[in-house]
Amino acid sequence: MNEQGYDAVYIVNQIMSSKFLLKHIREEGGAYGTNAMHTSGYALFSSYDDPNVLRTINQFIKGCEWIRNGEYTEKDIVEARLSLFGDIDAPREPQTLGFDEVVSGKTTQMRQEQRDLLLNVTKDQLVDIANKAYESDASMQTFVFGNKHSVKEVENKDDWVIEDLACSLCSTNRKRKLGY
């Protein structure tokens, strides 16, 4: 994906998270939270405290179809931009300004170019970017970090691998499901 696509995929992810995943996974499916994002060329989806793991995975797939088909409005794009600009334009402490440039490699001019790109990207361009970012023929690996309830939901599936992982952030072991 080119740099324009890389920046604009943030809009695509924001639209999918707030307009599709929130409704279908959190509100209808009962998960505490959900999100879509891209990092290092991979599409990543998450849900938190999710009572319906298999349903959620199907909703992630349907969300990819939804976003690739451009089933959102211009208002959805504007709302996604506003959300992103809230992060991009958040006040920074003076001592972090130079540090941000060193860590991210983006100068003030480059940040302005990113803002301009995000302001000017069209719906047609977003649909094109979504089709590249959420390719329908891409293979999918699913990792589920969950509790005993989520383990029960998938433990009888032949195409899932169950591993016990020690979780340093909590006092108990969690289960990880791989597969699909």
N, C-alpha and C. Protein backbone atom coordinates (compact mmCIF):
# COMPACT_ATOMS: atom_id res chain seq x y z
N MET A 1 0.85 -1.17 0.00
CA MET A 1 0.00 0.00 0.00
C MET A 1 0.90 1.24 0.00
N ASN A 2 0.59 2.23 -0.83
CA ASN A 2 1.41 3.44 -0.87
C ASN A 2 1.15 4.31 0.36
N GLU A 3 1.93 5.39 0.50
CA GLU A 3 1.80 6.22 1.70
C GLU A 3 0.41 6.82 1.82
N GLN A 4 -0.18 7.22 0.69
CA GLN A 4 -1.53 7.77 0.74
C GLN A 4 -2.49 6.72 1.30
N GLY A 5 -2.37 5.50 0.83
CA GLY A 5 -3.23 4.43 1.32
C GLY A 5 -2.97 4.12 2.78
N TYR A 6 -1.68 4.19 3.15
CA TYR A 6 -1.33 3.91 4.54
C TYR A 6 -1.97 4.91 5.47
N ASP A 7 -1.95 6.18 5.13
CA ASP A 7 -2.58 7.19 5.97
C ASP A 7 -4.10 7.09 5.92
N ALA A 8 -4.65 6.91 4.74
CA ALA A 8 -6.11 6.88 4.60
C ALA A 8 -6.72 5.62 5.20
N VAL A 9 -5.95 4.57 5.39
CA VAL A 9 -6.50 3.36 6.00
C VAL A 9 -6.96 3.64 7.43
N TYR A 10 -6.40 4.68 8.06
CA TYR A 10 -6.88 5.07 9.39
C TYR A 10 -8.35 5.47 9.34
N ILE A 11 -8.75 6.16 8.28
CA ILE A 11 -10.16 6.54 8.13
C ILE A 11 -11.01 5.28 7.94
N VAL A 12 -10.54 4.39 7.08
CA VAL A 12 -11.27 3.13 6.83
C VAL A 12 -11.45 2.36 8.14
N ASN A 13 -10.38 2.25 8.92
CA ASN A 13 -10.45 1.52 10.19
C ASN A 13 -11.40 2.18 11.17
N GLN A 14 -11.37 3.50 11.22
CA GLN A 14 -12.24 4.23 12.13
C GLN A 14 -13.71 4.03 11.73
N ILE A 15 -13.99 4.09 10.43
CA ILE A 15 -15.36 3.88 9.97
C ILE A 15 -15.82 2.46 10.32
N MET A 16 -14.98 1.47 10.03
CA MET A 16 -15.38 0.10 10.33
C MET A 16 -15.60 -0.10 11.82
N SER A 17 -14.69 0.43 12.64
CA SER A 17 -14.81 0.25 14.09
C SER A 17 -16.07 0.89 14.64
N SER A 18 -16.33 2.15 14.24
CA SER A 18 -17.44 2.87 14.85
C SER A 18 -18.79 2.60 14.19
N LYS A 19 -18.81 2.25 12.91
CA LYS A 19 -20.09 2.10 12.22
C LYS A 19 -20.51 0.65 12.00
N PHE A 20 -19.57 -0.28 12.04
CA PHE A 20 -19.95 -1.68 11.84
C PHE A 20 -19.66 -2.53 13.07
N LEU A 21 -18.42 -2.55 13.50
CA LEU A 21 -18.04 -3.44 14.59
C LEU A 21 -18.74 -3.09 15.89
N LEU A 22 -18.83 -1.81 16.21
CA LEU A 22 -19.49 -1.39 17.43
C LEU A 22 -20.93 -1.92 17.49
N LYS A 23 -21.64 -1.77 16.39
CA LYS A 23 -23.04 -2.21 16.33
C LYS A 23 -23.15 -3.73 16.42
N HIS A 24 -22.40 -4.43 15.58
CA HIS A 24 -22.60 -5.87 15.44
C HIS A 24 -21.89 -6.71 16.50
N ILE A 25 -20.79 -6.21 17.05
CA ILE A 25 -20.05 -7.00 18.02
C ILE A 25 -20.32 -6.54 19.45
N ARG A 26 -20.34 -5.25 19.67
CA ARG A 26 -20.57 -4.78 21.03
C ARG A 26 -22.06 -4.72 21.35
N GLU A 27 -22.81 -3.97 20.56
CA GLU A 27 -24.22 -3.76 20.89
C GLU A 27 -25.05 -5.02 20.71
N GLU A 28 -24.91 -5.73 19.60
CA GLU A 28 -25.71 -6.93 19.34
C GLU A 28 -25.07 -8.20 19.91
N GLY A 29 -23.73 -8.27 19.88
CA GLY A 29 -23.05 -9.49 20.30
C GLY A 29 -22.67 -9.56 21.76
N GLY A 30 -22.69 -8.44 22.45
CA GLY A 30 -22.44 -8.45 23.87
C GLY A 30 -20.99 -8.28 24.31
N ALA A 31 -20.07 -8.06 23.38
CA ALA A 31 -18.67 -7.83 23.77
C ALA A 31 -18.56 -6.47 24.46
N TYR A 32 -17.60 -6.35 25.34
CA TYR A 32 -17.40 -5.09 26.04
C TYR A 32 -16.84 -4.02 25.12
N GLY A 33 -16.02 -4.43 24.14
CA GLY A 33 -15.43 -3.48 23.20
C GLY A 33 -14.91 -4.19 21.97
N THR A 34 -14.63 -3.41 20.91
CA THR A 34 -14.12 -3.98 19.66
C THR A 34 -13.38 -2.90 18.88
N ASN A 35 -12.51 -3.35 17.95
CA ASN A 35 -11.70 -2.39 17.21
C ASN A 35 -11.13 -3.04 15.96
N ALA A 36 -10.81 -2.22 14.96
CA ALA A 36 -10.08 -2.64 13.76
C ALA A 36 -8.90 -1.71 13.59
N MET A 37 -7.76 -2.27 13.18
CA MET A 37 -6.59 -1.44 12.93
C MET A 37 -5.63 -2.17 11.99
N HIS A 38 -4.65 -1.44 11.50
CA HIS A 38 -3.59 -2.00 10.65
C HIS A 38 -2.25 -1.71 11.28
N THR A 39 -1.38 -2.68 11.23
CA THR A 39 -0.01 -2.47 11.68
C THR A 39 0.90 -3.41 10.91
N SER A 40 1.98 -2.90 10.45
CA SER A 40 2.98 -3.70 9.71
C SER A 40 2.36 -4.48 8.55
N GLY A 41 1.35 -3.89 7.90
CA GLY A 41 0.73 -4.53 6.75
C GLY A 41 -0.32 -5.57 7.08
N TYR A 42 -0.66 -5.72 8.36
CA TYR A 42 -1.66 -6.70 8.76
C TYR A 42 -2.91 -6.02 9.28
N ALA A 43 -4.06 -6.56 8.90
CA ALA A 43 -5.32 -6.11 9.46
C ALA A 43 -5.50 -6.83 10.80
N LEU A 44 -5.77 -6.08 11.84
CA LEU A 44 -5.97 -6.65 13.16
C LEU A 44 -7.34 -6.25 13.68
N PHE A 45 -8.03 -7.22 14.24
CA PHE A 45 -9.33 -6.98 14.84
C PHE A 45 -9.27 -7.43 16.29
N SER A 46 -10.02 -6.77 17.12
CA SER A 46 -10.05 -7.20 18.51
C SER A 46 -11.45 -7.03 19.07
N SER A 47 -11.73 -7.85 20.05
CA SER A 47 -12.91 -7.67 20.88
C SER A 47 -12.47 -7.97 22.30
N TYR A 48 -13.19 -7.43 23.24
CA TYR A 48 -12.81 -7.56 24.63
C TYR A 48 -13.99 -8.07 25.43
N ASP A 49 -13.71 -9.02 26.32
CA ASP A 49 -14.74 -9.61 27.18
C ASP A 49 -15.94 -10.02 26.33
N ASP A 50 -15.65 -10.88 25.37
CA ASP A 50 -16.60 -11.24 24.32
C ASP A 50 -17.25 -12.60 24.62
N PRO A 51 -18.56 -12.65 24.81
CA PRO A 51 -19.24 -13.91 25.10
C PRO A 51 -19.53 -14.76 23.85
N ASN A 52 -19.27 -14.24 22.67
CA ASN A 52 -19.63 -14.92 21.42
C ASN A 52 -18.47 -14.91 20.43
N VAL A 53 -17.44 -15.66 20.73
CA VAL A 53 -16.21 -15.63 19.94
C VAL A 53 -16.45 -15.98 18.47
N LEU A 54 -17.10 -17.08 18.22
CA LEU A 54 -17.30 -17.51 16.83
C LEU A 54 -18.19 -16.53 16.05
N ARG A 55 -19.21 -16.01 16.68
CA ARG A 55 -20.07 -15.01 16.05
C ARG A 55 -19.25 -13.76 15.71
N THR A 56 -18.39 -13.36 16.63
CA THR A 56 -17.57 -12.18 16.42
C THR A 56 -16.64 -12.36 15.23
N ILE A 57 -16.03 -13.53 15.11
CA ILE A 57 -15.13 -13.77 13.97
C ILE A 57 -15.90 -13.64 12.67
N ASN A 58 -17.11 -14.16 12.63
CA ASN A 58 -17.94 -14.00 11.43
C ASN A 58 -18.28 -12.53 11.18
N GLN A 59 -18.48 -11.75 12.24
CA GLN A 59 -18.77 -10.32 12.08
C GLN A 59 -17.55 -9.57 11.56
N PHE A 60 -16.34 -9.99 11.95
CA PHE A 60 -15.13 -9.38 11.39
C PHE A 60 -15.09 -9.60 9.88
N ILE A 61 -15.41 -10.80 9.44
CA ILE A 61 -15.42 -11.12 8.01
C ILE A 61 -16.49 -10.29 7.29
N LYS A 62 -17.68 -10.21 7.88
CA LYS A 62 -18.76 -9.40 7.28
C LYS A 62 -18.39 -7.93 7.26
N GLY A 63 -17.67 -7.47 8.29
CA GLY A 63 -17.23 -6.08 8.33
C GLY A 63 -16.27 -5.77 7.19
N CYS A 64 -15.40 -6.72 6.86
CA CYS A 64 -14.48 -6.55 5.73
C CYS A 64 -15.26 -6.41 4.43
N GLU A 65 -16.28 -7.23 4.25
CA GLU A 65 -17.12 -7.13 3.05
C GLU A 65 -17.83 -5.78 3.01
N TRP A 66 -18.37 -5.38 4.16
CA TRP A 66 -19.12 -4.13 4.27
C TRP A 66 -18.24 -2.94 3.89
N ILE A 67 -17.03 -2.88 4.44
CA ILE A 67 -16.15 -1.74 4.18
C ILE A 67 -15.64 -1.76 2.75
N ARG A 68 -15.38 -2.95 2.19
CA ARG A 68 -14.90 -3.05 0.81
C ARG A 68 -15.99 -2.64 -0.18
N ASN A 69 -17.24 -2.85 0.18
CA ASN A 69 -18.35 -2.46 -0.68
C ASN A 69 -18.74 -0.99 -0.54
N GLY A 70 -18.10 -0.28 0.37
CA GLY A 70 -18.37 1.15 0.54
C GLY A 70 -19.75 1.43 1.09
N GLU A 71 -20.22 0.58 2.00
CA GLU A 71 -21.57 0.72 2.54
C GLU A 71 -21.62 1.69 3.71
N TYR A 72 -21.04 2.86 3.51
CA TYR A 72 -21.05 3.91 4.52
C TYR A 72 -21.27 5.23 3.81
N THR A 73 -21.57 6.25 4.58
CA THR A 73 -21.97 7.54 4.01
C THR A 73 -20.85 8.57 4.10
N GLU A 74 -21.05 9.69 3.43
CA GLU A 74 -20.12 10.82 3.54
C GLU A 74 -20.07 11.31 4.99
N LYS A 75 -21.21 11.28 5.67
CA LYS A 75 -21.25 11.69 7.08
C LYS A 75 -20.34 10.78 7.91
N ASP A 76 -20.34 9.49 7.62
CA ASP A 76 -19.46 8.56 8.34
C ASP A 76 -17.99 8.92 8.12
N ILE A 77 -17.66 9.34 6.91
CA ILE A 77 -16.27 9.73 6.60
C ILE A 77 -15.90 10.99 7.39
N VAL A 78 -16.80 11.97 7.43
CA VAL A 78 -16.55 13.21 8.17
C VAL A 78 -16.34 12.89 9.66
N GLU A 79 -17.19 12.04 10.22
CA GLU A 79 -17.06 11.68 11.64
C GLU A 79 -15.74 10.97 11.90
N ALA A 80 -15.32 10.10 10.99
CA ALA A 80 -14.04 9.40 11.15
C ALA A 80 -12.89 10.39 11.11
N ARG A 81 -12.96 11.35 10.19
CA ARG A 81 -11.92 12.38 10.12
C ARG A 81 -11.84 13.17 11.42
N LEU A 82 -12.99 13.59 11.94
CA LEU A 82 -13.01 14.37 13.18
C LEU A 82 -12.37 13.59 14.32
N SER A 83 -12.67 12.31 14.40
CA SER A 83 -12.08 11.47 15.44
C SER A 83 -10.56 11.39 15.29
N LEU A 84 -10.10 11.19 14.06
CA LEU A 84 -8.66 11.11 13.82
C LEU A 84 -7.96 12.44 14.10
N PHE A 85 -8.57 13.53 13.67
CA PHE A 85 -7.95 14.83 13.89
C PHE A 85 -7.91 15.17 15.37
N GLY A 86 -8.85 14.64 16.14
CA GLY A 86 -8.79 14.83 17.59
C GLY A 86 -7.51 14.25 18.15
N ASP A 87 -7.06 13.13 17.59
CA ASP A 87 -5.79 12.52 18.02
C ASP A 87 -4.59 13.26 17.42
N ILE A 88 -4.66 13.54 16.12
CA ILE A 88 -3.53 14.17 15.43
C ILE A 88 -3.26 15.57 15.99
N ASP A 89 -4.33 16.32 16.27
CA ASP A 89 -4.19 17.70 16.69
C ASP A 89 -4.23 17.89 18.21
N ALA A 90 -4.17 16.80 18.95
CA ALA A 90 -4.19 16.91 20.40
C ALA A 90 -2.99 17.74 20.86
N PRO A 91 -3.18 18.58 21.85
CA PRO A 91 -2.06 19.40 22.34
C PRO A 91 -0.90 18.51 22.81
N ARG A 92 0.30 18.98 22.54
CA ARG A 92 1.50 18.26 22.94
C ARG A 92 2.30 19.15 23.89
N GLU A 93 2.93 18.51 24.84
CA GLU A 93 3.80 19.24 25.75
C GLU A 93 5.04 19.67 24.97
N PRO A 94 5.54 20.88 25.22
CA PRO A 94 6.70 21.38 24.46
C PRO A 94 7.89 20.43 24.44
N GLN A 95 8.16 19.77 25.55
CA GLN A 95 9.33 18.89 25.60
C GLN A 95 9.18 17.64 24.74
N THR A 96 7.97 17.31 24.30
CA THR A 96 7.77 16.12 23.48
C THR A 96 7.80 16.41 21.99
N LEU A 97 7.77 17.68 21.60
CA LEU A 97 7.68 18.01 20.19
C LEU A 97 8.85 17.46 19.38
N GLY A 98 10.05 17.71 19.79
CA GLY A 98 11.22 17.18 19.08
C GLY A 98 11.30 15.67 19.20
N PHE A 99 10.93 15.15 20.36
CA PHE A 99 10.96 13.71 20.59
C PHE A 99 10.01 13.00 19.62
N ASP A 100 8.82 13.57 19.41
CA ASP A 100 7.86 12.99 18.47
C ASP A 100 8.45 12.86 17.08
N GLU A 101 9.18 13.91 16.63
CA GLU A 101 9.78 13.87 15.30
C GLU A 101 10.85 12.79 15.20
N VAL A 102 11.65 12.64 16.25
CA VAL A 102 12.70 11.62 16.24
C VAL A 102 12.09 10.23 16.22
N VAL A 103 11.09 9.99 17.04
CA VAL A 103 10.49 8.65 17.15
C VAL A 103 9.68 8.31 15.90
N SER A 104 8.84 9.22 15.45
CA SER A 104 7.96 8.91 14.31
C SER A 104 8.63 9.18 12.97
N GLY A 105 9.65 10.05 12.97
CA GLY A 105 10.29 10.42 11.71
C GLY A 105 9.48 11.42 10.91
N LYS A 106 8.39 11.95 11.49
CA LYS A 106 7.54 12.90 10.78
C LYS A 106 7.79 14.32 11.26
N THR A 107 8.12 15.18 10.34
CA THR A 107 8.30 16.59 10.65
C THR A 107 6.93 17.26 10.71
N THR A 108 6.94 18.51 11.16
CA THR A 108 5.68 19.28 11.19
C THR A 108 5.09 19.38 9.79
N GLN A 109 5.94 19.58 8.78
CA GLN A 109 5.46 19.66 7.40
C GLN A 109 4.85 18.33 6.96
N MET A 110 5.47 17.23 7.34
CA MET A 110 4.94 15.91 6.97
C MET A 110 3.58 15.66 7.65
N ARG A 111 3.44 16.10 8.89
CA ARG A 111 2.16 15.96 9.59
C ARG A 111 1.07 16.77 8.89
N GLN A 112 1.43 17.98 8.43
CA GLN A 112 0.46 18.80 7.70
C GLN A 112 0.07 18.14 6.39
N GLU A 113 1.03 17.55 5.69
CA GLU A 113 0.73 16.83 4.45
C GLU A 113 -0.21 15.65 4.73
N GLN A 114 -0.01 14.98 5.86
CA GLN A 114 -0.90 13.87 6.24
C GLN A 114 -2.31 14.40 6.49
N ARG A 115 -2.42 15.51 7.20
CA ARG A 115 -3.73 16.11 7.46
C ARG A 115 -4.42 16.46 6.14
N ASP A 116 -3.67 17.10 5.22
CA ASP A 116 -4.23 17.48 3.93
C ASP A 116 -4.73 16.25 3.17
N LEU A 117 -3.94 15.21 3.19
CA LEU A 117 -4.34 13.97 2.52
C LEU A 117 -5.64 13.43 3.12
N LEU A 118 -5.70 13.37 4.45
CA LEU A 118 -6.89 12.85 5.11
C LEU A 118 -8.11 13.72 4.84
N LEU A 119 -7.90 15.03 4.70
CA LEU A 119 -9.02 15.93 4.39
C LEU A 119 -9.52 15.77 2.96
N ASN A 120 -8.63 15.40 2.06
CA ASN A 120 -8.96 15.40 0.63
C ASN A 120 -9.27 14.03 0.05
N VAL A 121 -9.05 12.95 0.80
CA VAL A 121 -9.30 11.62 0.25
C VAL A 121 -10.82 11.46 0.00
N THR A 122 -11.15 10.88 -1.14
CA THR A 122 -12.56 10.73 -1.52
C THR A 122 -13.09 9.36 -1.12
N LYS A 123 -14.38 9.21 -1.17
CA LYS A 123 -14.99 7.92 -0.85
C LYS A 123 -14.51 6.86 -1.83
N ASP A 124 -14.43 7.18 -3.11
CA ASP A 124 -13.94 6.20 -4.09
C ASP A 124 -12.53 5.74 -3.75
N GLN A 125 -11.68 6.68 -3.32
CA GLN A 125 -10.32 6.31 -2.92
C GLN A 125 -10.34 5.42 -1.67
N LEU A 126 -11.24 5.73 -0.74
CA LEU A 126 -11.35 4.91 0.47
C LEU A 126 -11.81 3.49 0.15
N VAL A 127 -12.74 3.37 -0.78
CA VAL A 127 -13.20 2.03 -1.19
C VAL A 127 -12.04 1.25 -1.81
N ASP A 128 -11.25 1.93 -2.65
CA ASP A 128 -10.09 1.29 -3.26
C ASP A 128 -9.09 0.86 -2.18
N ILE A 129 -8.84 1.71 -1.22
CA ILE A 129 -7.93 1.39 -0.13
C ILE A 129 -8.46 0.24 0.70
N ALA A 130 -9.77 0.24 0.98
CA ALA A 130 -10.38 -0.84 1.75
C ALA A 130 -10.25 -2.17 1.03
N ASN A 131 -10.38 -2.15 -0.29
CA ASN A 131 -10.24 -3.39 -1.06
C ASN A 131 -8.82 -3.93 -1.02
N LYS A 132 -7.84 -3.05 -0.90
CA LYS A 132 -6.45 -3.49 -0.76
C LYS A 132 -6.15 -3.92 0.67
N ALA A 133 -6.66 -3.16 1.63
CA ALA A 133 -6.36 -3.43 3.03
C ALA A 133 -7.07 -4.67 3.56
N TYR A 134 -8.25 -4.94 3.04
CA TYR A 134 -9.06 -6.08 3.50
C TYR A 134 -9.33 -7.01 2.34
N GLU A 135 -8.28 -7.48 1.71
CA GLU A 135 -8.41 -8.37 0.56
C GLU A 135 -9.24 -9.60 0.92
N SER A 136 -10.16 -9.95 0.04
CA SER A 136 -11.05 -11.06 0.33
C SER A 136 -10.36 -12.41 0.22
N ASP A 137 -9.26 -12.50 -0.52
CA ASP A 137 -8.60 -13.79 -0.66
C ASP A 137 -7.41 -13.94 0.29
N ALA A 138 -7.22 -12.99 1.18
CA ALA A 138 -6.13 -13.08 2.14
C ALA A 138 -6.45 -14.15 3.18
N SER A 139 -5.43 -14.88 3.59
CA SER A 139 -5.66 -15.89 4.62
C SER A 139 -5.85 -15.19 5.96
N MET A 140 -6.53 -15.86 6.85
CA MET A 140 -6.85 -15.26 8.13
C MET A 140 -6.40 -16.16 9.26
N GLN A 141 -5.66 -15.60 10.19
CA GLN A 141 -5.33 -16.30 11.42
C GLN A 141 -6.09 -15.62 12.52
N THR A 142 -6.62 -16.41 13.41
CA THR A 142 -7.41 -15.87 14.50
C THR A 142 -6.77 -16.26 15.82
N PHE A 143 -6.57 -15.28 16.66
CA PHE A 143 -6.07 -15.51 18.00
C PHE A 143 -7.13 -15.02 18.97
N VAL A 144 -7.51 -15.85 19.88
CA VAL A 144 -8.50 -15.45 20.87
C VAL A 144 -7.85 -15.62 22.24
N PHE A 145 -7.76 -14.52 22.97
CA PHE A 145 -7.30 -14.56 24.34
C PHE A 145 -8.56 -14.45 25.18
N GLY A 146 -8.83 -15.47 25.94
CA GLY A 146 -10.11 -15.43 26.63
C GLY A 146 -10.11 -16.17 27.94
N ASN A 147 -11.31 -16.41 28.40
CA ASN A 147 -11.53 -17.08 29.67
C ASN A 147 -12.10 -18.47 29.43
N LYS A 148 -12.52 -19.14 30.48
CA LYS A 148 -13.03 -20.50 30.36
C LYS A 148 -14.25 -20.58 29.44
N HIS A 149 -15.07 -19.53 29.45
CA HIS A 149 -16.26 -19.53 28.58
C HIS A 149 -15.87 -19.54 27.10
N SER A 150 -14.91 -18.70 26.73
CA SER A 150 -14.51 -18.66 25.32
C SER A 150 -13.81 -19.94 24.90
N VAL A 151 -13.13 -20.61 25.82
CA VAL A 151 -12.50 -21.90 25.52
C VAL A 151 -13.56 -22.93 25.20
N LYS A 152 -14.61 -22.97 26.00
CA LYS A 152 -15.68 -23.96 25.78
C LYS A 152 -16.32 -23.80 24.41
N GLU A 153 -16.42 -22.57 23.94
CA GLU A 153 -17.08 -22.31 22.66
C GLU A 153 -16.34 -22.94 21.49
N VAL A 154 -15.01 -23.03 21.58
CA VAL A 154 -14.23 -23.52 20.43
C VAL A 154 -13.44 -24.79 20.70
N GLU A 155 -13.49 -25.34 21.91
CA GLU A 155 -12.63 -26.48 22.24
C GLU A 155 -12.94 -27.74 21.43
N ASN A 156 -14.12 -27.87 20.90
CA ASN A 156 -14.47 -29.06 20.11
C ASN A 156 -14.28 -28.85 18.61
N LYS A 157 -13.73 -27.72 18.23
CA LYS A 157 -13.47 -27.45 16.81
C LYS A 157 -12.13 -28.08 16.43
N ASP A 158 -12.11 -28.89 15.38
CA ASP A 158 -10.89 -29.58 14.96
C ASP A 158 -9.82 -28.64 14.42
N ASP A 159 -10.22 -27.49 13.90
CA ASP A 159 -9.25 -26.60 13.28
C ASP A 159 -8.73 -25.51 14.23
N TRP A 160 -8.92 -25.70 15.52
CA TRP A 160 -8.42 -24.77 16.53
C TRP A 160 -7.36 -25.45 17.37
N VAL A 161 -6.32 -24.71 17.72
CA VAL A 161 -5.27 -25.18 18.61
C VAL A 161 -5.40 -24.40 19.91
N ILE A 162 -5.41 -25.10 21.02
CA ILE A 162 -5.57 -24.45 22.32
C ILE A 162 -4.24 -24.51 23.05
N GLU A 163 -3.78 -23.37 23.54
CA GLU A 163 -2.54 -23.31 24.30
C GLU A 163 -2.80 -22.55 25.60
N ASP A 164 -2.20 -23.02 26.68
CA ASP A 164 -2.20 -22.28 27.94
C ASP A 164 -1.05 -21.29 27.90
N LEU A 165 -1.32 -20.05 28.21
CA LEU A 165 -0.28 -19.03 28.27
C LEU A 165 -0.28 -18.40 29.64
N ALA A 166 0.89 -18.18 30.17
CA ALA A 166 0.99 -17.42 31.41
C ALA A 166 0.80 -15.95 31.06
N CYS A 167 -0.02 -15.30 31.80
CA CYS A 167 -0.30 -13.88 31.54
C CYS A 167 0.33 -13.05 32.65
N SER A 168 1.34 -12.29 32.31
CA SER A 168 2.04 -11.50 33.32
C SER A 168 1.20 -10.32 33.82
N LEU A 169 0.16 -9.98 33.09
CA LEU A 169 -0.69 -8.85 33.48
C LEU A 169 -1.81 -9.25 34.42
N CYS A 170 -1.99 -10.55 34.62
CA CYS A 170 -3.07 -10.99 35.48
C CYS A 170 -2.58 -12.15 36.36
N SER A 171 -3.36 -12.51 37.32
CA SER A 171 -2.93 -13.53 38.26
C SER A 171 -3.24 -14.95 37.80
N THR A 172 -4.03 -15.11 36.75
CA THR A 172 -4.40 -16.45 36.30
C THR A 172 -3.89 -16.71 34.90
N ASN A 173 -3.83 -17.97 34.52
CA ASN A 173 -3.48 -18.31 33.14
C ASN A 173 -4.69 -18.06 32.25
N ARG A 174 -4.43 -17.67 31.04
CA ARG A 174 -5.49 -17.45 30.06
C ARG A 174 -5.33 -18.48 28.95
N LYS A 175 -6.35 -18.67 28.15
CA LYS A 175 -6.30 -19.60 27.03
C LYS A 175 -6.14 -18.80 25.76
N ARG A 176 -5.41 -19.36 24.82
CA ARG A 176 -5.26 -18.73 23.50
C ARG A 176 -5.74 -19.75 22.50
N LYS A 177 -6.56 -19.30 21.58
CA LYS A 177 -7.08 -20.14 20.52
C LYS A 177 -6.48 -19.68 19.21
N LEU A 178 -6.01 -20.60 18.43
CA LEU A 178 -5.49 -20.29 17.11
C LEU A 178 -6.29 -21.08 16.11
N GLY A 179 -6.44 -20.54 14.92
CA GLY A 179 -7.04 -21.37 13.90
C GLY A 179 -7.90 -20.61 12.92
N TYR A 180 -8.67 -21.43 12.19
CA TYR A 180 -9.71 -20.97 11.30
C TYR A 180 -9.16 -20.50 10.01
